[in-house]
């Protein structure tokens, strides 16, 4: 059983370092780890390489070896991370210009909010507007001459979490150091 696990470990390492492997070139790395987990936990036959097949059965070993346990734990963790990444990708799809429902104004407002950096002597709206003006071209929010659109004021107001306004507090000498 340990030899089988080593062959899967070798195959995994070979796959992770070699992109020319025609047998696995279309499989993402995550699939290989899931494949390893399946191979190490099920009673089926799986190809080990293009010329052989390995049958894994719990009859061969009553207790899983530490290497097999590590591989199964690794595969489970990777599967959890894969699901988390897929969920995050789904949640952030609105920032992808290739998405069918991409809205540049929404992406710009959210990006400004995410990239906010507090600047002494400036309100959040002023800082947001500065970011939006600087990055308007990235979101296609410029006119034919390259001038940022007037809607940037509205986008800064939308992303602003302190809409009450007022003059920004003058930074003290201590806060500047």
Foldseek 3Di string as FASTA:
>chain_A
DVVLLVLLVVVLVCVVVDCPQPVCNPPDSLVSLLVSLCQLPDQDWDDSDPPDIDGDDCVVPVDDDPSNVVSNVVNVVSVVVVVVVVVVCVVCVLLDPVDPPNDLLVNLLVVLLVPQDDDAFDAQLVSSLVSCQVCVVVSVQADPVRGGHPCSSVSSCVSHPCNPDDGGDHDDPVVVD
